[in-house]
Structure formats: C-alpha cells, structure tokens
N, C-alpha and C. Protein backbone atom coordinates (compact mmCIF):
# COMPACT_ATOMS: atom_id res chain seq x y z
N MET A 1 110.20 89.14 77.54
CA MET A 1 111.47 88.96 76.90
C MET A 1 112.32 89.55 78.44
N THR A 2 113.32 89.04 78.63
CA THR A 2 113.88 89.45 79.52
C THR A 2 114.96 90.52 79.41
N ARG A 3 115.32 91.37 80.33
CA ARG A 3 116.39 92.51 80.06
C ARG A 3 117.70 91.89 79.97
N TRP A 4 118.70 92.58 79.48
CA TRP A 4 119.74 91.93 79.11
C TRP A 4 120.94 93.16 79.42
N TYR A 5 120.57 94.26 78.91
CA TYR A 5 121.57 94.96 78.66
C TYR A 5 122.40 95.75 80.04
N GLY A 6 121.76 95.39 81.16
CA GLY A 6 122.38 95.82 82.77
C GLY A 6 123.35 95.04 82.70
N LYS A 7 123.49 93.59 82.23
CA LYS A 7 124.74 92.57 82.23
C LYS A 7 125.64 93.16 81.31
N PHE A 8 125.46 93.63 80.14
CA PHE A 8 126.21 93.91 78.96
C PHE A 8 126.84 94.79 79.62
N PHE A 9 126.48 96.18 80.06
CA PHE A 9 126.97 97.28 80.24
C PHE A 9 127.61 97.44 81.41
N GLY A 10 127.32 96.57 82.61
CA GLY A 10 127.65 96.40 83.91
C GLY A 10 128.97 95.74 83.58
N PHE A 11 129.15 94.53 82.81
CA PHE A 11 130.14 93.90 82.29
C PHE A 11 131.20 94.91 81.72
N VAL A 12 130.87 95.68 80.75
CA VAL A 12 131.74 96.76 80.20
C VAL A 12 132.24 97.77 81.27
N ALA A 13 131.83 98.42 81.85
CA ALA A 13 131.95 99.38 82.79
C ALA A 13 132.83 98.68 83.79
N GLY A 14 132.67 97.56 84.53
CA GLY A 14 133.23 96.78 85.53
C GLY A 14 134.75 96.84 84.84
N TRP A 15 134.86 96.20 83.67
CA TRP A 15 135.96 95.83 82.96
C TRP A 15 136.91 97.16 83.01
N LEU A 16 136.51 98.22 82.31
CA LEU A 16 137.08 99.23 82.08
C LEU A 16 137.53 100.28 83.60
N LEU A 17 136.65 100.04 84.67
CA LEU A 17 136.83 100.69 85.37
C LEU A 17 137.71 100.07 86.41
N PHE A 18 138.10 98.81 86.33
CA PHE A 18 139.09 97.92 87.37
C PHE A 18 140.07 98.02 86.38
N ARG A 19 140.04 97.79 84.93
CA ARG A 19 141.21 97.22 84.25
C ARG A 19 141.36 95.93 84.34
N HIS A 20 140.50 95.03 84.67
CA HIS A 20 140.84 93.85 85.05
C HIS A 20 139.85 92.77 84.90
N PRO A 21 139.66 91.73 84.47
CA PRO A 21 138.68 90.89 84.39
C PRO A 21 137.79 90.44 85.13
N GLY A 22 138.56 90.80 86.45
CA GLY A 22 137.20 90.61 87.84
C GLY A 22 136.43 91.80 87.85
N GLY A 23 136.68 92.70 87.51
CA GLY A 23 136.20 93.93 87.50
C GLY A 23 134.68 93.74 86.56
N GLY A 24 135.03 92.83 85.40
CA GLY A 24 134.02 92.83 84.57
C GLY A 24 133.06 92.00 85.41
N LEU A 25 133.48 90.86 86.13
CA LEU A 25 132.39 90.00 86.86
C LEU A 25 131.62 90.69 87.85
N VAL A 26 132.45 91.71 88.59
CA VAL A 26 131.61 92.63 89.56
C VAL A 26 130.69 93.06 88.65
N GLY A 27 131.19 93.80 87.71
CA GLY A 27 129.98 94.64 86.96
C GLY A 27 128.86 93.71 86.49
N LEU A 28 128.98 92.49 85.89
CA LEU A 28 128.07 91.61 85.66
C LEU A 28 127.49 91.25 86.73
N LEU A 29 127.70 91.18 87.90
CA LEU A 29 126.94 90.99 89.06
C LEU A 29 125.94 92.04 89.09
N LEU A 30 126.31 93.39 89.15
CA LEU A 30 125.55 94.32 89.49
C LEU A 30 124.44 94.34 88.31
N GLY A 31 125.02 94.24 87.20
CA GLY A 31 124.05 94.18 86.02
C GLY A 31 122.70 93.15 86.20
N HIS A 32 123.24 92.01 86.93
CA HIS A 32 122.37 91.12 86.59
C HIS A 32 121.15 91.39 87.71
N ALA A 33 121.83 92.14 88.80
CA ALA A 33 120.74 92.71 89.99
C ALA A 33 120.04 93.78 89.34
N PHE A 34 120.39 94.44 88.58
CA PHE A 34 119.78 95.37 87.70
C PHE A 34 118.53 94.96 86.92
N ASP A 35 119.01 93.79 86.06
CA ASP A 35 117.78 93.38 85.23
C ASP A 35 117.05 92.43 85.95
N ALA A 36 117.22 91.77 87.33
CA ALA A 36 116.50 91.11 88.02
C ALA A 36 115.71 92.19 88.85
N ASP A 37 115.57 93.35 89.14
CA ASP A 37 114.75 94.48 89.27
C ASP A 37 115.31 94.37 91.27
N TRP A 38 116.18 93.93 91.48
CA TRP A 38 116.41 93.65 92.87
C TRP A 38 116.95 95.26 93.58
N PHE A 39 116.96 96.29 92.90
CA PHE A 39 116.96 97.81 93.47
C PHE A 39 115.56 98.41 93.52
N LYS A 40 114.58 97.68 93.29
CA LYS A 40 113.17 98.22 93.14
C LYS A 40 112.92 98.55 94.69
N SER A 41 112.20 99.40 94.86
CA SER A 41 111.80 99.89 96.22
C SER A 41 110.43 99.40 96.46
N GLN A 42 109.89 99.12 97.76
CA GLN A 42 108.24 98.90 97.85
C GLN A 42 107.52 99.62 97.12
N ARG A 43 107.83 100.94 96.81
CA ARG A 43 106.80 101.79 96.65
C ARG A 43 106.73 101.55 94.67
N ASP A 44 107.85 101.01 94.26
CA ASP A 44 107.46 100.92 92.91
C ASP A 44 106.79 99.61 92.47
N THR A 45 105.98 98.92 93.19
CA THR A 45 105.26 97.78 93.43
C THR A 45 103.84 98.06 94.21
N PRO A 46 102.91 98.43 93.62
CA PRO A 46 101.46 98.67 94.17
C PRO A 46 100.90 97.32 94.73
N TYR A 47 101.18 96.04 94.52
CA TYR A 47 100.58 95.02 94.41
C TYR A 47 100.96 94.65 95.85
N ARG A 48 102.16 95.28 96.59
CA ARG A 48 102.83 94.86 97.51
C ARG A 48 102.14 95.83 98.62
N VAL A 49 101.51 96.87 98.24
CA VAL A 49 100.94 97.99 98.99
C VAL A 49 99.33 97.37 99.69
N LEU A 50 98.73 96.94 98.41
CA LEU A 50 97.51 96.33 98.95
C LEU A 50 97.87 94.79 99.50
N GLY A 51 98.76 94.09 99.48
CA GLY A 51 99.22 92.94 100.15
C GLY A 51 98.49 91.56 99.58
N VAL A 52 98.38 92.08 97.72
CA VAL A 52 98.22 90.74 97.08
C VAL A 52 99.09 90.29 96.26
N ALA A 53 98.83 89.23 95.61
CA ALA A 53 99.95 88.75 94.38
C ALA A 53 99.70 89.66 93.14
N GLU A 54 100.65 89.41 92.17
CA GLU A 54 100.35 90.01 90.91
C GLU A 54 99.43 89.49 90.18
N ASP A 55 99.17 88.20 90.16
CA ASP A 55 98.05 87.23 89.64
C ASP A 55 96.91 87.08 90.40
N ALA A 56 96.73 88.05 91.34
CA ALA A 56 95.69 88.11 92.03
C ALA A 56 94.27 88.78 91.17
N SER A 57 93.27 87.84 91.50
CA SER A 57 91.90 88.60 90.55
C SER A 57 91.64 89.92 90.82
N ASP A 58 90.91 90.50 89.79
CA ASP A 58 90.21 91.72 89.87
C ASP A 58 89.38 91.62 91.17
N ALA A 59 88.46 90.85 91.84
CA ALA A 59 87.96 90.94 93.00
C ALA A 59 88.47 90.75 94.40
N GLU A 60 89.84 89.90 94.22
CA GLU A 60 90.65 89.84 95.38
C GLU A 60 91.43 91.51 95.20
N ILE A 61 91.75 92.00 94.09
CA ILE A 61 92.52 93.11 94.57
C ILE A 61 91.25 94.14 95.03
N ASP A 62 89.93 94.15 94.85
CA ASP A 62 88.99 95.25 94.99
C ASP A 62 88.67 95.00 96.39
N GLN A 63 88.80 93.75 96.97
CA GLN A 63 88.64 93.29 98.18
C GLN A 63 89.70 93.75 99.22
N ALA A 64 90.91 93.92 98.98
CA ALA A 64 92.02 94.23 99.60
C ALA A 64 92.16 95.59 99.77
N TYR A 65 91.60 96.31 98.51
CA TYR A 65 91.47 97.75 98.33
C TYR A 65 90.53 98.20 99.73
N ARG A 66 89.23 97.59 99.54
CA ARG A 66 87.76 98.10 100.42
C ARG A 66 88.37 97.63 101.96
N ARG A 67 89.17 96.67 101.96
CA ARG A 67 89.38 96.49 103.53
C ARG A 67 90.48 97.53 104.12
N LEU A 68 91.70 97.59 103.49
CA LEU A 68 92.69 98.68 103.81
C LEU A 68 92.24 100.06 104.00
N ILE A 69 91.20 100.44 102.77
CA ILE A 69 90.85 101.85 102.89
C ILE A 69 89.89 102.10 104.16
N SER A 70 89.08 100.93 104.47
CA SER A 70 88.21 101.27 105.44
C SER A 70 88.63 101.08 106.68
N GLN A 71 90.14 100.68 106.74
CA GLN A 71 90.94 100.56 108.04
C GLN A 71 91.54 101.64 108.21
N TYR A 72 92.35 102.53 107.10
CA TYR A 72 93.10 103.96 107.31
C TYR A 72 92.39 104.97 106.82
N HIS A 73 91.20 104.93 106.17
CA HIS A 73 90.31 106.06 105.98
C HIS A 73 90.44 107.06 107.07
N PRO A 74 90.84 108.49 106.59
CA PRO A 74 91.10 109.37 108.25
C PRO A 74 89.77 109.73 108.73
N ASP A 75 88.76 109.73 107.65
CA ASP A 75 87.36 110.03 108.76
C ASP A 75 86.88 108.93 109.54
N LYS A 76 87.54 107.88 109.32
CA LYS A 76 86.96 107.20 110.52
C LYS A 76 87.65 106.99 111.59
N LEU A 77 88.64 107.87 111.69
CA LEU A 77 89.72 107.98 112.94
C LEU A 77 89.38 109.43 113.25
N THR A 78 88.20 109.83 113.86
CA THR A 78 87.95 110.77 114.77
C THR A 78 88.15 110.73 116.45
N GLY A 79 88.66 111.72 116.46
CA GLY A 79 89.34 111.91 117.85
C GLY A 79 90.26 111.08 118.56
N VAL A 80 91.34 110.83 117.21
CA VAL A 80 92.55 110.22 117.66
C VAL A 80 93.52 111.56 117.48
N ALA A 81 94.94 111.15 117.97
CA ALA A 81 95.63 112.00 118.05
C ALA A 81 96.27 112.71 116.70
N GLU A 82 96.45 113.59 116.26
CA GLU A 82 96.80 114.52 115.18
C GLU A 82 97.96 113.52 114.00
N GLU A 83 98.64 113.21 114.95
CA GLU A 83 100.36 112.42 114.26
C GLU A 83 99.52 111.18 113.76
N LEU A 84 98.74 110.58 114.30
CA LEU A 84 97.77 109.57 113.77
C LEU A 84 97.09 109.63 112.67
N ARG A 85 96.50 110.52 112.44
CA ARG A 85 95.55 111.13 111.69
C ARG A 85 96.33 111.34 110.31
N ARG A 86 97.68 111.79 110.56
CA ARG A 86 98.46 112.13 109.30
C ARG A 86 98.84 111.18 108.74
N GLN A 87 99.28 110.16 110.00
CA GLN A 87 99.96 108.80 109.17
C GLN A 87 98.80 108.01 108.36
N ALA A 88 97.42 108.32 109.18
CA ALA A 88 96.39 107.33 108.47
C ALA A 88 95.98 108.20 106.87
N GLU A 89 96.35 109.44 107.09
CA GLU A 89 96.05 109.93 105.36
C GLU A 89 97.19 109.50 104.53
N ARG A 90 98.61 109.62 105.09
CA ARG A 90 99.38 109.13 104.12
C ARG A 90 99.04 107.85 103.32
N LYS A 91 98.91 106.82 104.48
CA LYS A 91 98.42 105.37 104.16
C LYS A 91 97.48 105.47 102.89
N ALA A 92 96.45 105.99 103.49
CA ALA A 92 95.27 106.09 102.64
C ALA A 92 95.52 106.42 101.03
N ALA A 93 96.50 107.67 101.21
CA ALA A 93 97.11 107.92 100.05
C ALA A 93 97.81 107.38 99.15
N ASP A 94 98.36 106.16 99.91
CA ASP A 94 99.35 105.38 99.24
C ASP A 94 98.39 104.17 98.72
N ILE A 95 97.66 104.11 99.58
CA ILE A 95 96.64 102.87 99.15
C ILE A 95 95.61 103.00 97.99
N ASN A 96 95.34 104.44 98.01
CA ASN A 96 94.48 104.92 96.54
C ASN A 96 95.55 104.76 95.13
N ALA A 97 96.34 105.40 95.67
CA ALA A 97 97.66 105.27 94.40
C ALA A 97 97.80 103.82 94.18
N ALA A 98 98.34 103.29 94.92
CA ALA A 98 98.45 101.69 94.21
C ALA A 98 97.24 100.96 93.83
N TYR A 99 96.05 101.29 94.29
CA TYR A 99 94.77 100.48 93.61
C TYR A 99 94.66 101.21 91.93
N ASP A 100 94.98 102.72 92.02
CA ASP A 100 94.84 103.37 90.91
C ASP A 100 95.64 102.84 89.75
N ARG A 101 97.32 102.67 90.12
CA ARG A 101 98.13 102.07 89.33
C ARG A 101 97.96 100.74 88.72
N ILE A 102 97.21 99.89 89.70
CA ILE A 102 97.11 98.51 89.52
C ILE A 102 95.98 98.45 88.21
N LYS A 103 95.08 99.35 88.53
CA LYS A 103 93.66 99.51 87.70
C LYS A 103 94.25 99.87 86.12
N THR A 104 94.98 100.84 86.39
CA THR A 104 95.85 101.59 84.82
C THR A 104 96.57 100.68 84.43
N LEU A 105 97.32 99.81 84.97
CA LEU A 105 98.09 98.46 84.57
C LEU A 105 97.42 97.30 84.18
N ARG A 106 96.57 97.18 84.57
CA ARG A 106 95.12 96.18 84.07
C ARG A 106 94.44 96.43 82.79
N LYS A 107 94.46 97.64 82.56
CA LYS A 107 93.68 98.18 81.38
C LYS A 107 94.33 98.07 80.26
N ARG A 108 95.59 98.00 80.00
CA ARG A 108 96.67 97.98 78.95
C ARG A 108 96.57 96.78 78.43
N PRO A 109 96.66 96.53 77.24
CA PRO A 109 96.38 95.45 76.46
C PRO A 109 97.66 94.46 76.73
C-alpha cells in the first residue's frame, strides 16, 4: 500500500500557509516527494551501502558483505596512516550495520 498522507497534509498546509490554491499545489508536490521517499538519505538504505539491489538473493548479499568487509577491515590495514585506519573502521562499521539491518528486515514475515 502506498502512502497518501504526505500529499493530503502537504496540500492542506500549503493552502493554509499561502492562502491560495497555488500554495496547495506546492504543498501537494512536497507531500508527494515525502510519500515517494525522495528525502531519504543513503544511510537509510542498507542495500546501497553493500552495493546490491533490494531484490538481491541472500547469497548475493552475503557475497557483497564478505567482499566489502575484507576490503575495509581495519586489521587488514596494518602499517597505514592513522587517518586511513579510522576511515576504514568507520566504513567497516557502516558495512556491518547495513548487513545486520538487511538480515533483520529479511527475518520479518
């Protein structure tokens, strides 16, 4: 089921704010953008972090996770600058969080 309430409340708020039907149109467009998730950041989609599509199989997700974590794991970066090591730790944490989030989402019925 698609969301509709962003369009409705956007239309009402735009009409009341601008006191003109054109304001309702602006609010309707913003509400549509909200309903279509145009305002989501990349952090909200764990599939993008792993570089796979949302309809990817579990094997593809596992393979992408293993490939990325082996590339960015901080223990593999011995002897590099401290700043690069911190960046790799942050990236590995993002990869782990995305993988855990996908596994949690897929466990739900």
